[in-house]
């Protein structure tokens, strides 16, 4: 995602909030060396902390913009269906190695998953196969 082009587009559309939050995202990412995803998550966390004390429409809009940079995590059902196809690798060996295999599988496919969800699904797959 070319963030500079997004900033230019926001400026062209006279969307000051979007342009400013994208500039902040770019500068924080360059300064810290962190990915846009990581910086966006930290900014959302910070905004949510303020929002827990008072309602501010600008922060809600900022969070909507920042959320575009955080990949959507797939559900347990999707994890289950994807891992079912490679269940032989999950069934062999220890559970910890099976979870590691599953996490590597999702990383290679560039899918964002929750580690807790993967652990839950792997244990369910192993239970159902051993029963």
Foldseek 3Di string as FASTA:
>chain_A
DPLVVVLVVCVVVVVVLLNVLSVVLVVVCVVVVHDSQVSLVVLLVVLVVVVVVPNDPSSVVSNVSSVVRHADADALVVLLVVVVVVVVLLQPDDNVVSLVVSVVVCVVVVHHHDSVSSSVSSVVSNVVVVD
